[in-house]
Amino acid sequence: MAAANYSNGWGGIIYKQNKLLTAKLLLKAGADPTARNYRNNKTALQYAIDSNFNEMVNLLLPISPKG
């Protein structure tokens, strides 16, 4: 199994776009919800918002830093 915070430029949660169960498992394993894509500096929450993936937004918003 890959490390929860494996960095390939995307980050674990970002890399598994639209995979809610995978995101939950990665977060439970210690994945960093604030990890950013090195190309455009976006977080998984920003990708979820941009994609209108409301279930992912609801998962990530409460655990994302304000600001």
PDB file of N, CA and C in Angstrom:
ATOM      1  N   MET A   1       0.844  -1.175   0.000  1.00  0.00           N
ATOM      2  CA  MET A   1       0.000   0.000   0.000  1.00  0.00           C
ATOM      3  C   MET A   1       0.890   1.240   0.000  1.00  0.00           C
ATOM      4  N   ALA A   2       0.516   2.230  -0.777  1.00  0.00           N
ATOM      5  CA  ALA A   2       1.279   3.474  -0.857  1.00  0.00           C
ATOM      6  C   ALA A   2       1.082   4.287   0.415  1.00  0.00           C
ATOM      7  N   ALA A   3       2.062   5.093   0.719  1.00  0.00           N
ATOM      8  CA  ALA A   3       1.966   5.979   1.880  1.00  0.00           C
ATOM      9  C   ALA A   3       0.840   6.984   1.660  1.00  0.00           C
ATOM     10  N   ALA A   4       0.156   7.352   2.741  1.00  0.00           N
ATOM     11  CA  ALA A   4      -0.987   8.260   2.644  1.00  0.00           C
ATOM     12  C   ALA A   4      -0.604   9.617   2.094  1.00  0.00           C
ATOM     13  N   ASN A   5       0.624  10.049   2.333  1.00  0.00           N
ATOM     14  CA  ASN A   5       1.056  11.362   1.865  1.00  0.00           C
ATOM     15  C   ASN A   5       2.064  11.270   0.727  1.00  0.00           C
ATOM     16  N   TYR A   6       2.006  10.196  -0.048  1.00  0.00           N
ATOM     17  CA  TYR A   6       2.912  10.031  -1.185  1.00  0.00           C
ATOM     18  C   TYR A   6       2.849  11.270  -2.060  1.00  0.00           C
ATOM     19  N   SER A   7       3.982  11.784  -2.430  1.00  0.00           N
ATOM     20  CA  SER A   7       4.025  13.012  -3.230  1.00  0.00           C
ATOM     21  C   SER A   7       4.535  12.720  -4.626  1.00  0.00           C
ATOM     22  N   ASN A   8       3.630  12.762  -5.569  1.00  0.00           N
ATOM     23  CA  ASN A   8       3.994  12.641  -6.969  1.00  0.00           C
ATOM     24  C   ASN A   8       3.673  13.942  -7.688  1.00  0.00           C
ATOM     25  N   GLY A   9       3.523  14.998  -6.909  1.00  0.00           N
ATOM     26  CA  GLY A   9       3.133  16.283  -7.459  1.00  0.00           C
ATOM     27  C   GLY A   9       1.658  16.558  -7.272  1.00  0.00           C
ATOM     28  N   TRP A  10       0.908  15.517  -7.020  1.00  0.00           N
ATOM     29  CA  TRP A  10      -0.533  15.681  -6.856  1.00  0.00           C
ATOM     30  C   TRP A  10      -0.967  15.487  -5.414  1.00  0.00           C
ATOM     31  N   GLY A  11      -0.344  14.625  -4.675  1.00  0.00           N
ATOM     32  CA  GLY A  11      -0.814  14.314  -3.333  1.00  0.00           C
ATOM     33  C   GLY A  11      -1.884  13.242  -3.407  1.00  0.00           C
ATOM     34  N   GLY A  12      -1.967  12.418  -2.383  1.00  0.00           N
ATOM     35  CA  GLY A  12      -2.863  11.272  -2.400  1.00  0.00           C
ATOM     36  C   GLY A  12      -4.321  11.593  -2.640  1.00  0.00           C
ATOM     37  N   ILE A  13      -4.861  12.554  -1.912  1.00  0.00           N
ATOM     38  CA  ILE A  13      -6.282  12.863  -2.035  1.00  0.00           C
ATOM     39  C   ILE A  13      -6.568  13.497  -3.389  1.00  0.00           C
ATOM     40  N   ILE A  14      -5.708  14.410  -3.825  1.00  0.00           N
ATOM     41  CA  ILE A  14      -5.907  15.056  -5.117  1.00  0.00           C
ATOM     42  C   ILE A  14      -5.835  14.029  -6.238  1.00  0.00           C
ATOM     43  N   TYR A  15      -4.897  13.120  -6.159  1.00  0.00           N
ATOM     44  CA  TYR A  15      -4.678  12.135  -7.216  1.00  0.00           C
ATOM     45  C   TYR A  15      -5.899  11.255  -7.424  1.00  0.00           C
ATOM     46  N   LYS A  16      -6.611  10.959  -6.381  1.00  0.00           N
ATOM     47  CA  LYS A  16      -7.797  10.108  -6.474  1.00  0.00           C
ATOM     48  C   LYS A  16      -9.041  10.974  -6.634  1.00  0.00           C
ATOM     49  N   GLN A  17      -9.095  11.724  -7.708  1.00  0.00           N
ATOM     50  CA  GLN A  17     -10.206  12.628  -7.968  1.00  0.00           C
ATOM     51  C   GLN A  17     -11.534  11.872  -7.965  1.00  0.00           C
ATOM     52  N   ASN A  18     -12.523  12.474  -7.357  1.00  0.00           N
ATOM     53  CA  ASN A  18     -13.888  11.958  -7.312  1.00  0.00           C
ATOM     54  C   ASN A  18     -13.997  10.559  -6.714  1.00  0.00           C
ATOM     55  N   LYS A  19     -13.100  10.202  -5.840  1.00  0.00           N
ATOM     56  CA  LYS A  19     -13.134   8.903  -5.172  1.00  0.00           C
ATOM     57  C   LYS A  19     -13.324   9.140  -3.680  1.00  0.00           C
ATOM     58  N   LEU A  20     -14.561   9.302  -3.273  1.00  0.00           N
ATOM     59  CA  LEU A  20     -14.866   9.670  -1.896  1.00  0.00           C
ATOM     60  C   LEU A  20     -14.383   8.617  -0.896  1.00  0.00           C
ATOM     61  N   LEU A  21     -14.652   7.355  -1.155  1.00  0.00           N
ATOM     62  CA  LEU A  21     -14.221   6.311  -0.228  1.00  0.00           C
ATOM     63  C   LEU A  21     -12.700   6.278  -0.116  1.00  0.00           C
ATOM     64  N   THR A  22     -12.019   6.408  -1.243  1.00  0.00           N
ATOM     65  CA  THR A  22     -10.555   6.428  -1.224  1.00  0.00           C
ATOM     66  C   THR A  22     -10.054   7.608  -0.404  1.00  0.00           C
ATOM     67  N   ALA A  23     -10.662   8.769  -0.582  1.00  0.00           N
ATOM     68  CA  ALA A  23     -10.260   9.952   0.177  1.00  0.00           C
ATOM     69  C   ALA A  23     -10.457   9.728   1.672  1.00  0.00           C
ATOM     70  N   LYS A  24     -11.578   9.122   2.045  1.00  0.00           N
ATOM     71  CA  LYS A  24     -11.829   8.845   3.466  1.00  0.00           C
ATOM     72  C   LYS A  24     -10.762   7.915   4.037  1.00  0.00           C
ATOM     73  N   LEU A  25     -10.429   6.885   3.278  1.00  0.00           N
ATOM     74  CA  LEU A  25      -9.404   5.944   3.739  1.00  0.00           C
ATOM     75  C   LEU A  25      -8.036   6.607   3.843  1.00  0.00           C
ATOM     76  N   LEU A  26      -7.700   7.440   2.863  1.00  0.00           N
ATOM     77  CA  LEU A  26      -6.417   8.143   2.906  1.00  0.00           C
ATOM     78  C   LEU A  26      -6.350   9.092   4.099  1.00  0.00           C
ATOM     79  N   LEU A  27      -7.439   9.805   4.367  1.00  0.00           N
ATOM     80  CA  LEU A  27      -7.467  10.705   5.517  1.00  0.00           C
ATOM     81  C   LEU A  27      -7.321   9.916   6.818  1.00  0.00           C
ATOM     82  N   LYS A  28      -8.007   8.791   6.902  1.00  0.00           N
ATOM     83  CA  LYS A  28      -7.909   7.951   8.105  1.00  0.00           C
ATOM     84  C   LYS A  28      -6.484   7.444   8.299  1.00  0.00           C
ATOM     85  N   ALA A  29      -5.781   7.220   7.191  1.00  0.00           N
ATOM     86  CA  ALA A  29      -4.394   6.738   7.251  1.00  0.00           C
ATOM     87  C   ALA A  29      -3.399   7.869   7.494  1.00  0.00           C
ATOM     88  N   GLY A  30      -3.901   9.105   7.580  1.00  0.00           N
ATOM     89  CA  GLY A  30      -3.025  10.222   7.904  1.00  0.00           C
ATOM     90  C   GLY A  30      -2.676  11.137   6.754  1.00  0.00           C
ATOM     91  N   ALA A  31      -3.391  11.023   5.639  1.00  0.00           N
ATOM     92  CA  ALA A  31      -3.112  11.909   4.504  1.00  0.00           C
ATOM     93  C   ALA A  31      -3.329  13.366   4.906  1.00  0.00           C
ATOM     94  N   ASP A  32      -2.526  14.230   4.361  1.00  0.00           N
ATOM     95  CA  ASP A  32      -2.587  15.659   4.655  1.00  0.00           C
ATOM     96  C   ASP A  32      -3.621  16.323   3.751  1.00  0.00           C
ATOM     97  N   PRO A  33      -4.758  16.796   4.295  1.00  0.00           N
ATOM     98  CA  PRO A  33      -5.782  17.424   3.463  1.00  0.00           C
ATOM     99  C   PRO A  33      -5.353  18.786   2.916  1.00  0.00           C
ATOM    100  N   THR A  34      -4.239  19.305   3.412  1.00  0.00           N
ATOM    101  CA  THR A  34      -3.762  20.606   2.933  1.00  0.00           C
ATOM    102  C   THR A  34      -2.667  20.471   1.878  1.00  0.00           C
ATOM    103  N   ALA A  35      -2.347  19.233   1.482  1.00  0.00           N
ATOM    104  CA  ALA A  35      -1.322  19.030   0.447  1.00  0.00           C
ATOM    105  C   ALA A  35      -1.751  19.749  -0.823  1.00  0.00           C
ATOM    106  N   ARG A  36      -0.772  20.327  -1.502  1.00  0.00           N
ATOM    107  CA  ARG A  36      -1.061  21.111  -2.705  1.00  0.00           C
ATOM    108  C   ARG A  36      -0.383  20.512  -3.927  1.00  0.00           C
ATOM    109  N   ASN A  37      -1.039  20.675  -5.058  1.00  0.00           N
ATOM    110  CA  ASN A  37      -0.468  20.278  -6.339  1.00  0.00           C
ATOM    111  C   ASN A  37       0.683  21.223  -6.644  1.00  0.00           C
ATOM    112  N   TYR A  38       1.840  20.703  -6.976  1.00  0.00           N
ATOM    113  CA  TYR A  38       3.006  21.565  -7.194  1.00  0.00           C
ATOM    114  C   TYR A  38       2.887  22.401  -8.463  1.00  0.00           C
ATOM    115  N   ARG A  39       2.027  22.027  -9.377  1.00  0.00           N
ATOM    116  CA  ARG A  39       1.891  22.784 -10.632  1.00  0.00           C
ATOM    117  C   ARG A  39       1.072  24.057 -10.466  1.00  0.00           C
ATOM    118  N   ASN A  40      -0.015  23.973  -9.698  1.00  0.00           N
ATOM    119  CA  ASN A  40      -0.883  25.145  -9.578  1.00  0.00           C
ATOM    120  C   ASN A  40      -1.228  25.501  -8.138  1.00  0.00           C
ATOM    121  N   ASN A  41      -0.631  24.800  -7.195  1.00  0.00           N
ATOM    122  CA  ASN A  41      -0.765  25.112  -5.768  1.00  0.00           C
ATOM    123  C   ASN A  41      -2.186  24.900  -5.224  1.00  0.00           C
ATOM    124  N   LYS A  42      -3.007  24.096  -5.903  1.00  0.00           N
ATOM    125  CA  LYS A  42      -4.365  23.838  -5.435  1.00  0.00           C
ATOM    126  C   LYS A  42      -4.386  22.667  -4.463  1.00  0.00           C
ATOM    127  N   THR A  43      -5.328  22.739  -3.522  1.00  0.00           N
ATOM    128  CA  THR A  43      -5.558  21.641  -2.584  1.00  0.00           C
ATOM    129  C   THR A  43      -6.674  20.742  -3.121  1.00  0.00           C
ATOM    130  N   ALA A  44      -6.865  19.613  -2.468  1.00  0.00           N
ATOM    131  CA  ALA A  44      -7.961  18.714  -2.838  1.00  0.00           C
ATOM    132  C   ALA A  44      -9.306  19.416  -2.685  1.00  0.00           C
ATOM    133  N   LEU A  45      -9.442  20.251  -1.651  1.00  0.00           N
ATOM    134  CA  LEU A  45     -10.684  20.999  -1.460  1.00  0.00           C
ATOM    135  C   LEU A  45     -10.936  21.921  -2.644  1.00  0.00           C
ATOM    136  N   GLN A  46      -9.908  22.604  -3.110  1.00  0.00           N
ATOM    137  CA  GLN A  46     -10.085  23.496  -4.254  1.00  0.00           C
ATOM    138  C   GLN A  46     -10.490  22.724  -5.508  1.00  0.00           C
ATOM    139  N   TYR A  47      -9.893  21.548  -5.721  1.00  0.00           N
ATOM    140  CA  TYR A  47     -10.294  20.707  -6.852  1.00  0.00           C
ATOM    141  C   TYR A  47     -11.749  20.259  -6.704  1.00  0.00           C
ATOM    142  N   ALA A  48     -12.152  19.885  -5.502  1.00  0.00           N
ATOM    143  CA  ALA A  48     -13.530  19.445  -5.273  1.00  0.00           C
ATOM    144  C   ALA A  48     -14.513  20.575  -5.556  1.00  0.00           C
ATOM    145  N   ILE A  49     -14.184  21.784  -5.119  1.00  0.00           N
ATOM    146  CA  ILE A  49     -15.043  22.940  -5.378  1.00  0.00           C
ATOM    147  C   ILE A  49     -15.115  23.213  -6.872  1.00  0.00           C
ATOM    148  N   ASP A  50     -13.972  23.236  -7.539  1.00  0.00           N
ATOM    149  CA  ASP A  50     -13.929  23.491  -8.986  1.00  0.00           C
ATOM    150  C   ASP A  50     -14.726  22.452  -9.769  1.00  0.00           C
ATOM    151  N   SER A  51     -14.785  21.220  -9.261  1.00  0.00           N
ATOM    152  CA  SER A  51     -15.463  20.116  -9.950  1.00  0.00           C
ATOM    153  C   SER A  51     -16.916  19.946  -9.505  1.00  0.00           C
ATOM    154  N   ASN A  52     -17.377  20.808  -8.607  1.00  0.00           N
ATOM    155  CA  ASN A  52     -18.727  20.688  -8.045  1.00  0.00           C
ATOM    156  C   ASN A  52     -18.962  19.315  -7.415  1.00  0.00           C
ATOM    157  N   PHE A  53     -17.925  18.764  -6.796  1.00  0.00           N
ATOM    158  CA  PHE A  53     -18.018  17.462  -6.131  1.00  0.00           C
ATOM    159  C   PHE A  53     -18.374  17.726  -4.671  1.00  0.00           C
ATOM    160  N   ASN A  54     -19.669  17.936  -4.439  1.00  0.00           N
ATOM    161  CA  ASN A  54     -20.148  18.404  -3.140  1.00  0.00           C
ATOM    162  C   ASN A  54     -19.857  17.443  -1.998  1.00  0.00           C
ATOM    163  N   GLU A  55     -19.910  16.136  -2.252  1.00  0.00           N
ATOM    164  CA  GLU A  55     -19.630  15.182  -1.185  1.00  0.00           C
ATOM    165  C   GLU A  55     -18.190  15.320  -0.701  1.00  0.00           C
ATOM    166  N   MET A  56     -17.270  15.546  -1.630  1.00  0.00           N
ATOM    167  CA  MET A  56     -15.865  15.723  -1.261  1.00  0.00           C
ATOM    168  C   MET A  56     -15.683  17.057  -0.536  1.00  0.00           C
ATOM    169  N   VAL A  57     -16.360  18.095  -1.004  1.00  0.00           N
ATOM    170  CA  VAL A  57     -16.300  19.394  -0.324  1.00  0.00           C
ATOM    171  C   VAL A  57     -16.763  19.228   1.119  1.00  0.00           C
ATOM    172  N   ASN A  58     -17.874  18.518   1.311  1.00  0.00           N
ATOM    173  CA  ASN A  58     -18.404  18.310   2.662  1.00  0.00           C
ATOM    174  C   ASN A  58     -17.456  17.502   3.538  1.00  0.00           C
ATOM    175  N   LEU A  59     -16.688  16.614   2.945  1.00  0.00           N
ATOM    176  CA  LEU A  59     -15.696  15.835   3.691  1.00  0.00           C
ATOM    177  C   LEU A  59     -14.500  16.699   4.084  1.00  0.00           C
ATOM    178  N   LEU A  60     -14.009  17.497   3.155  1.00  0.00           N
ATOM    179  CA  LEU A  60     -12.757  18.233   3.355  1.00  0.00           C
ATOM    180  C   LEU A  60     -12.918  19.584   4.044  1.00  0.00           C
ATOM    181  N   LEU A  61     -14.041  20.235   3.857  1.00  0.00           N
ATOM    182  CA  LEU A  61     -14.212  21.588   4.396  1.00  0.00           C
ATOM    183  C   LEU A  61     -14.028  21.663   5.912  1.00  0.00           C
ATOM    184  N   PRO A  62     -14.633  20.767   6.691  1.00  0.00           N
ATOM    185  CA  PRO A  62     -14.470  20.867   8.150  1.00  0.00           C
ATOM    186  C   PRO A  62     -13.041  20.632   8.640  1.00  0.00           C
ATOM    187  N   ILE A  63     -12.210  19.969   7.861  1.00  0.00           N
ATOM    188  CA  ILE A  63     -10.846  19.674   8.313  1.00  0.00           C
ATOM    189  C   ILE A  63      -9.802  20.533   7.614  1.00  0.00           C
ATOM    190  N   SER A  64     -10.265  21.483   6.812  1.00  0.00           N
ATOM    191  CA  SER A  64      -9.340  22.372   6.102  1.00  0.00           C
ATOM    192  C   SER A  64      -9.160  23.657   6.892  1.00  0.00           C
ATOM    193  N   PRO A  65      -7.947  24.197   6.889  1.00  0.00           N
ATOM    194  CA  PRO A  65      -7.707  25.446   7.621  1.00  0.00           C
ATOM    195  C   PRO A  65      -8.514  26.596   7.030  1.00  0.00           C
ATOM    196  N   LYS A  66      -8.916  27.496   7.873  1.00  0.00           N
ATOM    197  CA  LYS A  66      -9.661  28.682   7.428  1.00  0.00           C
ATOM    198  C   LYS A  66      -8.684  29.691   6.850  1.00  0.00           C
ATOM    199  N   GLY A  67      -9.188  30.445   5.876  1.00  0.00           N
ATOM    200  CA  GLY A  67      -8.337  31.514   5.358  1.00  0.00           C
ATOM    201  C   GLY A  67      -8.006  31.463   3.961  1.00  0.00           C
TER     202      GLY A  67
END
